[in-house]
Amino acid sequence: MDSLKKIGIIRCKQTSTLCSRSIDLVAAKNGTHGFAKSGPVNVIRIIDCGGCPGDSLGGRVDELIHCGAEGVALASCISGRNEFPFPCNNFPQIQTDIQERYGNIISLLECAH
């Protein structure tokens, strides 16, 4: 596993009690769904977004990078690729803000719910 790219996953705080994250972890391990292009990755940490509207995400990404993340994935609960009844209305702005601040470190995780 040491040769795999290390990533951190940011998930929605609002849906954190509804999802076990197991499908996201399997997708990361097997290189499927949102990780089909990158192949398998090593998830080093999963944290929540900090709550709406996502203003604290910069600090959260900094924390993941400090822990060794080479990439950051927004979980399907943020990117809108899930079945939860809480779509993230802030996703477009969250994605733009992170990409402007960190460049191409972000990838989108798509879950198979």
PDB file of N, CA and C in Angstrom:
ATOM      1  N   MET A   1       0.799  -1.208   0.000  1.00  0.00           N
ATOM      2  CA  MET A   1       0.000   0.000   0.000  1.00  0.00           C
ATOM      3  C   MET A   1       0.840   1.269   0.000  1.00  0.00           C
ATOM      4  N   ASP A   2       2.090   1.180   0.375  1.00  0.00           N
ATOM      5  CA  ASP A   2       2.916   2.376   0.466  1.00  0.00           C
ATOM      6  C   ASP A   2       3.106   3.071  -0.873  1.00  0.00           C
ATOM      7  N   SER A   3       3.006   2.362  -1.986  1.00  0.00           N
ATOM      8  CA  SER A   3       3.206   2.974  -3.286  1.00  0.00           C
ATOM      9  C   SER A   3       1.937   3.654  -3.816  1.00  0.00           C
ATOM     10  N   LEU A   4       0.816   3.461  -3.152  1.00  0.00           N
ATOM     11  CA  LEU A   4      -0.428   4.081  -3.578  1.00  0.00           C
ATOM     12  C   LEU A   4      -0.450   5.556  -3.201  1.00  0.00           C
ATOM     13  N   LYS A   5      -1.114   6.342  -4.022  1.00  0.00           N
ATOM     14  CA  LYS A   5      -1.287   7.760  -3.713  1.00  0.00           C
ATOM     15  C   LYS A   5      -2.095   7.890  -2.431  1.00  0.00           C
ATOM     16  N   LYS A   6      -1.647   8.761  -1.538  1.00  0.00           N
ATOM     17  CA  LYS A   6      -2.324   8.983  -0.263  1.00  0.00           C
ATOM     18  C   LYS A   6      -3.346  10.109  -0.420  1.00  0.00           C
ATOM     19  N   ILE A   7      -4.574   9.817  -0.032  1.00  0.00           N
ATOM     20  CA  ILE A   7      -5.620  10.830  -0.151  1.00  0.00           C
ATOM     21  C   ILE A   7      -6.386  10.978   1.161  1.00  0.00           C
ATOM     22  N   GLY A   8      -7.012  12.143   1.289  1.00  0.00           N
ATOM     23  CA  GLY A   8      -7.942  12.390   2.373  1.00  0.00           C
ATOM     24  C   GLY A   8      -9.312  12.596   1.764  1.00  0.00           C
ATOM     25  N   ILE A   9     -10.325  12.166   2.480  1.00  0.00           N
ATOM     26  CA  ILE A   9     -11.699  12.331   2.015  1.00  0.00           C
ATOM     27  C   ILE A   9     -12.411  13.314   2.928  1.00  0.00           C
ATOM     28  N   ILE A  10     -13.092  14.281   2.310  1.00  0.00           N
ATOM     29  CA  ILE A  10     -13.919  15.220   3.069  1.00  0.00           C
ATOM     30  C   ILE A  10     -15.371  14.846   2.809  1.00  0.00           C
ATOM     31  N   ARG A  11     -16.099  14.600   3.879  1.00  0.00           N
ATOM     32  CA  ARG A  11     -17.500  14.212   3.750  1.00  0.00           C
ATOM     33  C   ARG A  11     -18.410  15.267   4.374  1.00  0.00           C
ATOM     34  N   CYS A  12     -19.683  15.172   4.085  1.00  0.00           N
ATOM     35  CA  CYS A  12     -20.680  16.115   4.588  1.00  0.00           C
ATOM     36  C   CYS A  12     -20.934  15.877   6.076  1.00  0.00           C
ATOM     37  N   LYS A  13     -20.864  16.930   6.855  1.00  0.00           N
ATOM     38  CA  LYS A  13     -21.134  16.808   8.287  1.00  0.00           C
ATOM     39  C   LYS A  13     -22.593  16.421   8.537  1.00  0.00           C
ATOM     40  N   GLN A  14     -23.489  16.929   7.725  1.00  0.00           N
ATOM     41  CA  GLN A  14     -24.915  16.693   7.917  1.00  0.00           C
ATOM     42  C   GLN A  14     -25.293  15.221   7.720  1.00  0.00           C
ATOM     43  N   THR A  15     -24.599  14.517   6.827  1.00  0.00           N
ATOM     44  CA  THR A  15     -24.928  13.115   6.565  1.00  0.00           C
ATOM     45  C   THR A  15     -24.000  12.141   7.298  1.00  0.00           C
ATOM     46  N   SER A  16     -23.123  12.649   8.151  1.00  0.00           N
ATOM     47  CA  SER A  16     -22.116  11.801   8.790  1.00  0.00           C
ATOM     48  C   SER A  16     -22.715  10.690   9.648  1.00  0.00           C
ATOM     49  N   THR A  17     -23.906  10.885  10.192  1.00  0.00           N
ATOM     50  CA  THR A  17     -24.513   9.829  10.998  1.00  0.00           C
ATOM     51  C   THR A  17     -25.307   8.825  10.161  1.00  0.00           C
ATOM     52  N   LEU A  18     -25.491   9.117   8.879  1.00  0.00           N
ATOM     53  CA  LEU A  18     -26.272   8.238   8.003  1.00  0.00           C
ATOM     54  C   LEU A  18     -25.415   7.271   7.195  1.00  0.00           C
ATOM     55  N   CYS A  19     -24.147   7.573   7.015  1.00  0.00           N
ATOM     56  CA  CYS A  19     -23.311   6.808   6.088  1.00  0.00           C
ATOM     57  C   CYS A  19     -22.102   6.224   6.806  1.00  0.00           C
ATOM     58  N   SER A  20     -21.858   4.954   6.581  1.00  0.00           N
ATOM     59  CA  SER A  20     -20.716   4.283   7.209  1.00  0.00           C
ATOM     60  C   SER A  20     -19.412   4.526   6.469  1.00  0.00           C
ATOM     61  N   ARG A  21     -19.477   5.103   5.281  1.00  0.00           N
ATOM     62  CA  ARG A  21     -18.324   5.374   4.425  1.00  0.00           C
ATOM     63  C   ARG A  21     -17.714   4.109   3.834  1.00  0.00           C
ATOM     64  N   SER A  22     -18.278   2.940   4.102  1.00  0.00           N
ATOM     65  CA  SER A  22     -17.680   1.699   3.629  1.00  0.00           C
ATOM     66  C   SER A  22     -17.641   1.615   2.108  1.00  0.00           C
ATOM     67  N   ILE A  23     -18.668   2.098   1.426  1.00  0.00           N
ATOM     68  CA  ILE A  23     -18.663   2.040  -0.041  1.00  0.00           C
ATOM     69  C   ILE A  23     -17.583   2.953  -0.607  1.00  0.00           C
ATOM     70  N   ASP A  24     -17.420   4.140  -0.013  1.00  0.00           N
ATOM     71  CA  ASP A  24     -16.364   5.052  -0.454  1.00  0.00           C
ATOM     72  C   ASP A  24     -14.993   4.425  -0.247  1.00  0.00           C
ATOM     73  N   LEU A  25     -14.802   3.759   0.888  1.00  0.00           N
ATOM     74  CA  LEU A  25     -13.511   3.134   1.170  1.00  0.00           C
ATOM     75  C   LEU A  25     -13.223   1.976   0.217  1.00  0.00           C
ATOM     76  N   VAL A  26     -14.224   1.204  -0.115  1.00  0.00           N
ATOM     77  CA  VAL A  26     -14.044   0.103  -1.064  1.00  0.00           C
ATOM     78  C   VAL A  26     -13.705   0.665  -2.445  1.00  0.00           C
ATOM     79  N   ALA A  27     -14.397   1.737  -2.855  1.00  0.00           N
ATOM     80  CA  ALA A  27     -14.105   2.361  -4.150  1.00  0.00           C
ATOM     81  C   ALA A  27     -12.668   2.861  -4.194  1.00  0.00           C
ATOM     82  N   ALA A  28     -12.203   3.466  -3.111  1.00  0.00           N
ATOM     83  CA  ALA A  28     -10.820   3.961  -3.049  1.00  0.00           C
ATOM     84  C   ALA A  28      -9.825   2.799  -3.112  1.00  0.00           C
ATOM     85  N   LYS A  29     -10.091   1.759  -2.363  1.00  0.00           N
ATOM     86  CA  LYS A  29      -9.188   0.604  -2.317  1.00  0.00           C
ATOM     87  C   LYS A  29      -9.100  -0.104  -3.665  1.00  0.00           C
ATOM     88  N   ASN A  30     -10.248  -0.223  -4.340  1.00  0.00           N
ATOM     89  CA  ASN A  30     -10.293  -0.964  -5.606  1.00  0.00           C
ATOM     90  C   ASN A  30     -10.096  -0.100  -6.844  1.00  0.00           C
ATOM     91  N   GLY A  31     -10.051   1.212  -6.667  1.00  0.00           N
ATOM     92  CA  GLY A  31      -9.885   2.092  -7.816  1.00  0.00           C
ATOM     93  C   GLY A  31     -11.107   2.120  -8.712  1.00  0.00           C
ATOM     94  N   THR A  32     -12.283   2.093  -8.121  1.00  0.00           N
ATOM     95  CA  THR A  32     -13.518   2.105  -8.896  1.00  0.00           C
ATOM     96  C   THR A  32     -14.273   3.411  -8.675  1.00  0.00           C
ATOM     97  N   HIS A  33     -15.359   3.596  -9.418  1.00  0.00           N
ATOM     98  CA  HIS A  33     -16.218   4.781  -9.324  1.00  0.00           C
ATOM     99  C   HIS A  33     -15.382   6.045  -9.497  1.00  0.00           C
ATOM    100  N   GLY A  34     -15.357   6.938  -8.538  1.00  0.00           N
ATOM    101  CA  GLY A  34     -14.611   8.180  -8.663  1.00  0.00           C
ATOM    102  C   GLY A  34     -13.107   7.995  -8.749  1.00  0.00           C
ATOM    103  N   PHE A  35     -12.620   6.810  -8.444  1.00  0.00           N
ATOM    104  CA  PHE A  35     -11.179   6.534  -8.506  1.00  0.00           C
ATOM    105  C   PHE A  35     -10.808   5.683  -9.718  1.00  0.00           C
ATOM    106  N   ALA A  36     -11.721   5.563 -10.672  1.00  0.00           N
ATOM    107  CA  ALA A  36     -11.447   4.747 -11.858  1.00  0.00           C
ATOM    108  C   ALA A  36     -10.267   5.287 -12.660  1.00  0.00           C
ATOM    109  N   LYS A  37     -10.127   6.610 -12.744  1.00  0.00           N
ATOM    110  CA  LYS A  37      -9.016   7.194 -13.509  1.00  0.00           C
ATOM    111  C   LYS A  37      -7.693   7.092 -12.769  1.00  0.00           C
ATOM    112  N   SER A  38      -7.712   7.290 -11.455  1.00  0.00           N
ATOM    113  CA  SER A  38      -6.467   7.275 -10.684  1.00  0.00           C
ATOM    114  C   SER A  38      -6.034   5.873 -10.304  1.00  0.00           C
ATOM    115  N   GLY A  39      -6.980   4.955 -10.244  1.00  0.00           N
ATOM    116  CA  GLY A  39      -6.681   3.621  -9.738  1.00  0.00           C
ATOM    117  C   GLY A  39      -6.769   3.610  -8.226  1.00  0.00           C
ATOM    118  N   PRO A  40      -6.421   2.501  -7.604  1.00  0.00           N
ATOM    119  CA  PRO A  40      -6.521   2.400  -6.148  1.00  0.00           C
ATOM    120  C   PRO A  40      -5.709   3.485  -5.439  1.00  0.00           C
ATOM    121  N   VAL A  41      -6.242   3.945  -4.322  1.00  0.00           N
ATOM    122  CA  VAL A  41      -5.566   4.944  -3.501  1.00  0.00           C
ATOM    123  C   VAL A  41      -5.609   4.506  -2.045  1.00  0.00           C
ATOM    124  N   ASN A  42      -4.738   5.076  -1.254  1.00  0.00           N
ATOM    125  CA  ASN A  42      -4.665   4.791   0.170  1.00  0.00           C
ATOM    126  C   ASN A  42      -5.318   5.950   0.922  1.00  0.00           C
ATOM    127  N   VAL A  43      -6.472   5.707   1.549  1.00  0.00           N
ATOM    128  CA  VAL A  43      -7.161   6.742   2.319  1.00  0.00           C
ATOM    129  C   VAL A  43      -6.479   6.862   3.676  1.00  0.00           C
ATOM    130  N   ILE A  44      -5.894   8.033   3.927  1.00  0.00           N
ATOM    131  CA  ILE A  44      -5.185   8.210   5.189  1.00  0.00           C
ATOM    132  C   ILE A  44      -6.039   8.884   6.255  1.00  0.00           C
ATOM    133  N   ARG A  45      -7.116   9.557   5.823  1.00  0.00           N
ATOM    134  CA  ARG A  45      -7.969  10.229   6.795  1.00  0.00           C
ATOM    135  C   ARG A  45      -9.285  10.630   6.153  1.00  0.00           C
ATOM    136  N   ILE A  46     -10.354  10.565   6.939  1.00  0.00           N
ATOM    137  CA  ILE A  46     -11.660  11.041   6.519  1.00  0.00           C
ATOM    138  C   ILE A  46     -12.119  12.056   7.563  1.00  0.00           C
ATOM    139  N   ILE A  47     -12.454  13.250   7.085  1.00  0.00           N
ATOM    140  CA  ILE A  47     -12.946  14.284   7.989  1.00  0.00           C
ATOM    141  C   ILE A  47     -14.222  14.878   7.415  1.00  0.00           C
ATOM    142  N   ASP A  48     -14.992  15.550   8.273  1.00  0.00           N
ATOM    143  CA  ASP A  48     -16.192  16.192   7.746  1.00  0.00           C
ATOM    144  C   ASP A  48     -15.867  17.607   7.305  1.00  0.00           C
ATOM    145  N   CYS A  49     -16.807  18.203   6.604  1.00  0.00           N
ATOM    146  CA  CYS A  49     -16.600  19.515   5.987  1.00  0.00           C
ATOM    147  C   CYS A  49     -16.582  20.657   6.994  1.00  0.00           C
ATOM    148  N   GLY A  50     -17.060  20.406   8.204  1.00  0.00           N
ATOM    149  CA  GLY A  50     -17.127  21.455   9.209  1.00  0.00           C
ATOM    150  C   GLY A  50     -18.497  22.107   9.295  1.00  0.00           C
ATOM    151  N   GLY A  51     -19.374  21.732   8.402  1.00  0.00           N
ATOM    152  CA  GLY A  51     -20.731  22.274   8.406  1.00  0.00           C
ATOM    153  C   GLY A  51     -20.928  23.346   7.349  1.00  0.00           C
ATOM    154  N   CYS A  52     -22.186  23.586   7.054  1.00  0.00           N
ATOM    155  CA  CYS A  52     -22.557  24.556   6.022  1.00  0.00           C
ATOM    156  C   CYS A  52     -22.198  25.977   6.454  1.00  0.00           C
ATOM    157  N   PRO A  53     -21.742  26.764   5.505  1.00  0.00           N
ATOM    158  CA  PRO A  53     -21.679  26.558   4.056  1.00  0.00           C
ATOM    159  C   PRO A  53     -20.324  26.066   3.565  1.00  0.00           C
ATOM    160  N   GLY A  54     -19.499  25.505   4.430  1.00  0.00           N
ATOM    161  CA  GLY A  54     -18.204  24.984   4.003  1.00  0.00           C
ATOM    162  C   GLY A  54     -17.069  25.981   4.119  1.00  0.00           C
ATOM    163  N   ASP A  55     -17.274  27.025   4.883  1.00  0.00           N
ATOM    164  CA  ASP A  55     -16.250  28.063   5.018  1.00  0.00           C
ATOM    165  C   ASP A  55     -14.955  27.573   5.659  1.00  0.00           C
ATOM    166  N   SER A  56     -15.004  26.492   6.430  1.00  0.00           N
ATOM    167  CA  SER A  56     -13.800  26.006   7.114  1.00  0.00           C
ATOM    168  C   SER A  56     -13.059  24.944   6.309  1.00  0.00           C
ATOM    169  N   LEU A  57     -13.456  24.717   5.061  1.00  0.00           N
ATOM    170  CA  LEU A  57     -12.816  23.676   4.271  1.00  0.00           C
ATOM    171  C   LEU A  57     -11.343  23.933   3.995  1.00  0.00           C
ATOM    172  N   GLY A  58     -10.948  25.192   3.859  1.00  0.00           N
ATOM    173  CA  GLY A  58      -9.529  25.482   3.627  1.00  0.00           C
ATOM    174  C   GLY A  58      -8.666  24.914   4.727  1.00  0.00           C
ATOM    175  N   GLY A  59      -9.055  25.127   5.954  1.00  0.00           N
ATOM    176  CA  GLY A  59      -8.315  24.575   7.089  1.00  0.00           C
ATOM    177  C   GLY A  59      -8.347  23.066   7.118  1.00  0.00           C
ATOM    178  N   ARG A  60      -9.451  22.501   6.690  1.00  0.00           N
ATOM    179  CA  ARG A  60      -9.580  21.041   6.659  1.00  0.00           C
ATOM    180  C   ARG A  60      -8.642  20.452   5.601  1.00  0.00           C
ATOM    181  N   VAL A  61      -8.564  21.083   4.434  1.00  0.00           N
ATOM    182  CA  VAL A  61      -7.641  20.607   3.399  1.00  0.00           C
ATOM    183  C   VAL A  61      -6.202  20.770   3.883  1.00  0.00           C
ATOM    184  N   ASP A  62      -5.894  21.893   4.517  1.00  0.00           N
ATOM    185  CA  ASP A  62      -4.551  22.091   5.085  1.00  0.00           C
ATOM    186  C   ASP A  62      -4.200  20.960   6.049  1.00  0.00           C
ATOM    187  N   GLU A  63      -5.159  20.572   6.879  1.00  0.00           N
ATOM    188  CA  GLU A  63      -4.948  19.493   7.842  1.00  0.00           C
ATOM    189  C   GLU A  63      -4.644  18.171   7.133  1.00  0.00           C
ATOM    190  N   LEU A  64      -5.387  17.878   6.070  1.00  0.00           N
ATOM    191  CA  LEU A  64      -5.141  16.645   5.319  1.00  0.00           C
ATOM    192  C   LEU A  64      -3.763  16.655   4.679  1.00  0.00           C
ATOM    193  N   ILE A  65      -3.384  17.784   4.109  1.00  0.00           N
ATOM    194  CA  ILE A  65      -2.055  17.900   3.490  1.00  0.00           C
ATOM    195  C   ILE A  65      -0.965  17.737   4.552  1.00  0.00           C
ATOM    196  N   HIS A  66      -1.176  18.346   5.702  1.00  0.00           N
ATOM    197  CA  HIS A  66      -0.213  18.229   6.815  1.00  0.00           C
ATOM    198  C   HIS A  66      -0.053  16.761   7.249  1.00  0.00           C
ATOM    199  N   CYS A  67      -1.123  15.988   7.135  1.00  0.00           N
ATOM    200  CA  CYS A  67      -1.084  14.571   7.505  1.00  0.00           C
ATOM    201  C   CYS A  67      -0.517  13.692   6.394  1.00  0.00           C
ATOM    202  N   GLY A  68      -0.148  14.293   5.261  1.00  0.00           N
ATOM    203  CA  GLY A  68       0.489  13.541   4.187  1.00  0.00           C
ATOM    204  C   GLY A  68      -0.368  13.274   2.967  1.00  0.00           C
ATOM    205  N   ALA A  69      -1.551  13.854   2.904  1.00  0.00           N
ATOM    206  CA  ALA A  69      -2.415  13.627   1.738  1.00  0.00           C
ATOM    207  C   ALA A  69      -1.798  14.254   0.492  1.00  0.00           C
ATOM    208  N   GLU A  70      -1.793  13.487  -0.580  1.00  0.00           N
ATOM    209  CA  GLU A  70      -1.335  13.972  -1.879  1.00  0.00           C
ATOM    210  C   GLU A  70      -2.516  14.373  -2.752  1.00  0.00           C
ATOM    211  N   GLY A  71      -3.695  14.044  -2.304  1.00  0.00           N
ATOM    212  CA  GLY A  71      -4.916  14.371  -3.010  1.00  0.00           C
ATOM    213  C   GLY A  71      -6.066  14.447  -2.032  1.00  0.00           C
ATOM    214  N   VAL A  72      -7.102  15.144  -2.421  1.00  0.00           N
ATOM    215  CA  VAL A  72      -8.290  15.285  -1.585  1.00  0.00           C
ATOM    216  C   VAL A  72      -9.509  14.918  -2.428  1.00  0.00           C
ATOM    217  N   ALA A  73     -10.354  14.079  -1.873  1.00  0.00           N
ATOM    218  CA  ALA A  73     -11.587  13.699  -2.551  1.00  0.00           C
ATOM    219  C   ALA A  73     -12.770  14.267  -1.783  1.00  0.00           C
ATOM    220  N   LEU A  74     -13.703  14.851  -2.508  1.00  0.00           N
ATOM    221  CA  LEU A  74     -14.967  15.257  -1.902  1.00  0.00           C
ATOM    222  C   LEU A  74     -15.902  14.066  -1.997  1.00  0.00           C
ATOM    223  N   ALA A  75     -16.409  13.626  -0.880  1.00  0.00           N
ATOM    224  CA  ALA A  75     -17.282  12.458  -0.854  1.00  0.00           C
ATOM    225  C   ALA A  75     -18.558  12.718  -1.644  1.00  0.00           C
ATOM    226  N   SER A  76     -19.210  11.641  -1.999  1.00  0.00           N
ATOM    227  CA  SER A  76     -20.414  11.741  -2.818  1.00  0.00           C
ATOM    228  C   SER A  76     -21.516  12.540  -2.141  1.00  0.00           C
ATOM    229  N   CYS A  77     -21.515  12.601  -0.832  1.00  0.00           N
ATOM    230  CA  CYS A  77     -22.535  13.383  -0.133  1.00  0.00           C
ATOM    231  C   CYS A  77     -22.347  14.879  -0.367  1.00  0.00           C
ATOM    232  N   ILE A  78     -21.158  15.301  -0.742  1.00  0.00           N
ATOM    233  CA  ILE A  78     -20.909  16.700  -1.079  1.00  0.00           C
ATOM    234  C   ILE A  78     -21.067  16.914  -2.582  1.00  0.00           C
ATOM    235  N   SER A  79     -20.549  15.996  -3.371  1.00  0.00           N
ATOM    236  CA  SER A  79     -20.586  16.172  -4.821  1.00  0.00           C
ATOM    237  C   SER A  79     -21.956  15.895  -5.417  1.00  0.00           C
ATOM    238  N   GLY A  80     -22.887  15.353  -4.614  1.00  0.00           N
ATOM    239  CA  GLY A  80     -24.247  15.132  -5.084  1.00  0.00           C
ATOM    240  C   GLY A  80     -24.459  13.814  -5.785  1.00  0.00           C
ATOM    241  N   ARG A  81     -23.526  12.906  -5.652  1.00  0.00           N
ATOM    242  CA  ARG A  81     -23.638  11.604  -6.318  1.00  0.00           C
ATOM    243  C   ARG A  81     -24.038  10.535  -5.301  1.00  0.00           C
ATOM    244  N   ASN A  82     -25.175  10.739  -4.672  1.00  0.00           N
ATOM    245  CA  ASN A  82     -25.645   9.795  -3.667  1.00  0.00           C
ATOM    246  C   ASN A  82     -27.160   9.832  -3.590  1.00  0.00           C
ATOM    247  N   GLU A  83     -27.687   9.081  -2.641  1.00  0.00           N
ATOM    248  CA  GLU A  83     -29.140   9.033  -2.495  1.00  0.00           C
ATOM    249  C   GLU A  83     -29.632   9.713  -1.222  1.00  0.00           C
ATOM    250  N   PHE A  84     -28.760  10.386  -0.490  1.00  0.00           N
ATOM    251  CA  PHE A  84     -29.185  11.028   0.742  1.00  0.00           C
ATOM    252  C   PHE A  84     -30.087  12.223   0.451  1.00  0.00           C
ATOM    253  N   PRO A  85     -31.025  12.511   1.349  1.00  0.00           N
ATOM    254  CA  PRO A  85     -31.970  13.606   1.118  1.00  0.00           C
ATOM    255  C   PRO A  85     -31.412  14.982   1.458  1.00  0.00           C
ATOM    256  N   PHE A  86     -30.105  15.100   1.596  1.00  0.00           N
ATOM    257  CA  PHE A  86     -29.483  16.368   1.959  1.00  0.00           C
ATOM    258  C   PHE A  86     -28.469  16.792   0.904  1.00  0.00           C
ATOM    259  N   PRO A  87     -28.894  17.195  -0.273  1.00  0.00           N
ATOM    260  CA  PRO A  87     -27.911  17.597  -1.286  1.00  0.00           C
ATOM    261  C   PRO A  87     -27.144  18.835  -0.823  1.00  0.00           C
ATOM    262  N   CYS A  88     -25.881  18.880  -1.130  1.00  0.00           N
ATOM    263  CA  CYS A  88     -25.049  20.018  -0.727  1.00  0.00           C
ATOM    264  C   CYS A  88     -25.230  21.147  -1.742  1.00  0.00           C
ATOM    265  N   ASN A  89     -25.957  22.160  -1.337  1.00  0.00           N
ATOM    266  CA  ASN A  89     -26.174  23.317  -2.207  1.00  0.00           C
ATOM    267  C   ASN A  89     -24.911  24.153  -2.377  1.00  0.00           C
ATOM    268  N   ASN A  90     -23.918  23.917  -1.534  1.00  0.00           N
ATOM    269  CA  ASN A  90     -22.681  24.691  -1.568  1.00  0.00           C
ATOM    270  C   ASN A  90     -21.594  24.032  -2.400  1.00  0.00           C
ATOM    271  N   PHE A  91     -21.876  22.854  -2.981  1.00  0.00           N
ATOM    272  CA  PHE A  91     -20.862  22.114  -3.718  1.00  0.00           C
ATOM    273  C   PHE A  91     -20.146  22.926  -4.792  1.00  0.00           C
ATOM    274  N   PRO A  92     -20.867  23.627  -5.678  1.00  0.00           N
ATOM    275  CA  PRO A  92     -20.135  24.364  -6.727  1.00  0.00           C
ATOM    276  C   PRO A  92     -19.132  25.363  -6.145  1.00  0.00           C
ATOM    277  N   GLN A  93     -19.523  26.066  -5.101  1.00  0.00           N
ATOM    278  CA  GLN A  93     -18.621  27.050  -4.499  1.00  0.00           C
ATOM    279  C   GLN A  93     -17.485  26.370  -3.745  1.00  0.00           C
ATOM    280  N   ILE A  94     -17.790  25.273  -3.056  1.00  0.00           N
ATOM    281  CA  ILE A  94     -16.758  24.516  -2.339  1.00  0.00           C
ATOM    282  C   ILE A  94     -15.701  24.024  -3.318  1.00  0.00           C
ATOM    283  N   GLN A  95     -16.137  23.444  -4.423  1.00  0.00           N
ATOM    284  CA  GLN A  95     -15.212  22.923  -5.427  1.00  0.00           C
ATOM    285  C   GLN A  95     -14.346  24.052  -5.999  1.00  0.00           C
ATOM    286  N   THR A  96     -14.975  25.161  -6.343  1.00  0.00           N
ATOM    287  CA  THR A  96     -14.244  26.307  -6.901  1.00  0.00           C
ATOM    288  C   THR A  96     -13.222  26.837  -5.903  1.00  0.00           C
ATOM    289  N   ASP A  97     -13.645  27.021  -4.653  1.00  0.00           N
ATOM    290  CA  ASP A  97     -12.749  27.562  -3.626  1.00  0.00           C
ATOM    291  C   ASP A  97     -11.529  26.674  -3.410  1.00  0.00           C
ATOM    292  N   ILE A  98     -11.740  25.365  -3.329  1.00  0.00           N
ATOM    293  CA  ILE A  98     -10.613  24.455  -3.098  1.00  0.00           C
ATOM    294  C   ILE A  98      -9.696  24.415  -4.310  1.00  0.00           C
ATOM    295  N   GLN A  99     -10.263  24.366  -5.511  1.00  0.00           N
ATOM    296  CA  GLN A  99      -9.421  24.325  -6.712  1.00  0.00           C
ATOM    297  C   GLN A  99      -8.623  25.616  -6.870  1.00  0.00           C
ATOM    298  N   GLU A 100      -9.220  26.761  -6.557  1.00  0.00           N
ATOM    299  CA  GLU A 100      -8.485  28.023  -6.662  1.00  0.00           C
ATOM    300  C   GLU A 100      -7.359  28.091  -5.640  1.00  0.00           C
ATOM    301  N   ARG A 101      -7.589  27.559  -4.468  1.00  0.00           N
ATOM    302  CA  ARG A 101      -6.583  27.630  -3.408  1.00  0.00           C
ATOM    303  C   ARG A 101      -5.491  26.571  -3.553  1.00  0.00           C
ATOM    304  N   TYR A 102      -5.873  25.374  -4.007  1.00  0.00           N
ATOM    305  CA  TYR A 102      -4.931  24.260  -4.001  1.00  0.00           C
ATOM    306  C   TYR A 102      -4.608  23.707  -5.386  1.00  0.00           C
ATOM    307  N   GLY A 103      -5.211  24.237  -6.407  1.00  0.00           N
ATOM    308  CA  GLY A 103      -4.922  23.743  -7.747  1.00  0.00           C
ATOM    309  C   GLY A 103      -5.531  22.383  -7.991  1.00  0.00           C
ATOM    310  N   ASN A 104      -4.786  21.491  -8.544  1.00  0.00           N
ATOM    311  CA  ASN A 104      -5.309  20.207  -8.994  1.00  0.00           C
ATOM    312  C   ASN A 104      -5.203  19.108  -7.940  1.00  0.00           C
ATOM    313  N   ILE A 105      -5.161  19.464  -6.668  1.00  0.00           N
ATOM    314  CA  ILE A 105      -5.052  18.441  -5.630  1.00  0.00           C
ATOM    315  C   ILE A 105      -6.377  17.704  -5.437  1.00  0.00           C
ATOM    316  N   ILE A 106      -7.450  18.296  -5.910  1.00  0.00           N
ATOM    317  CA  ILE A 106      -8.761  17.730  -5.623  1.00  0.00           C
ATOM    318  C   ILE A 106      -9.207  16.743  -6.700  1.00  0.00           C
ATOM    319  N   SER A 107      -9.846  15.696  -6.265  1.00  0.00           N
ATOM    320  CA  SER A 107     -10.518  14.785  -7.175  1.00  0.00           C
ATOM    321  C   SER A 107     -11.896  14.523  -6.578  1.00  0.00           C
ATOM    322  N   LEU A 108     -12.815  14.099  -7.390  1.00  0.00           N
ATOM    323  CA  LEU A 108     -14.162  13.853  -6.883  1.00  0.00           C
ATOM    324  C   LEU A 108     -14.404  12.384  -6.680  1.00  0.00           C
ATOM    325  N   LEU A 109     -14.859  12.049  -5.509  1.00  0.00           N
ATOM    326  CA  LEU A 109     -15.212  10.684  -5.193  1.00  0.00           C
ATOM    327  C   LEU A 109     -16.668  10.450  -5.529  1.00  0.00           C
ATOM    328  N   GLU A 110     -16.913   9.440  -6.307  1.00  0.00           N
ATOM    329  CA  GLU A 110     -18.283   9.094  -6.659  1.00  0.00           C
ATOM    330  C   GLU A 110     -18.607   7.753  -6.011  1.00  0.00           C
ATOM    331  N   CYS A 111     -19.653   7.726  -5.248  1.00  0.00           N
ATOM    332  CA  CYS A 111     -20.003   6.540  -4.475  1.00  0.00           C
ATOM    333  C   CYS A 111     -21.049   5.707  -5.216  1.00  0.00           C
ATOM    334  N   ALA A 112     -21.109   4.429  -4.927  1.00  0.00           N
ATOM    335  CA  ALA A 112     -22.017   3.529  -5.632  1.00  0.00           C
ATOM    336  C   ALA A 112     -23.270   3.224  -4.828  1.00  0.00           C
ATOM    337  N   HIS A 113     -23.808   4.175  -4.140  1.00  0.00           N
ATOM    338  CA  HIS A 113     -25.019   3.923  -3.329  1.00  0.00           C
ATOM    339  C   HIS A 113     -26.160   3.457  -4.168  1.00  0.00           C
TER     340      HIS A 113
END
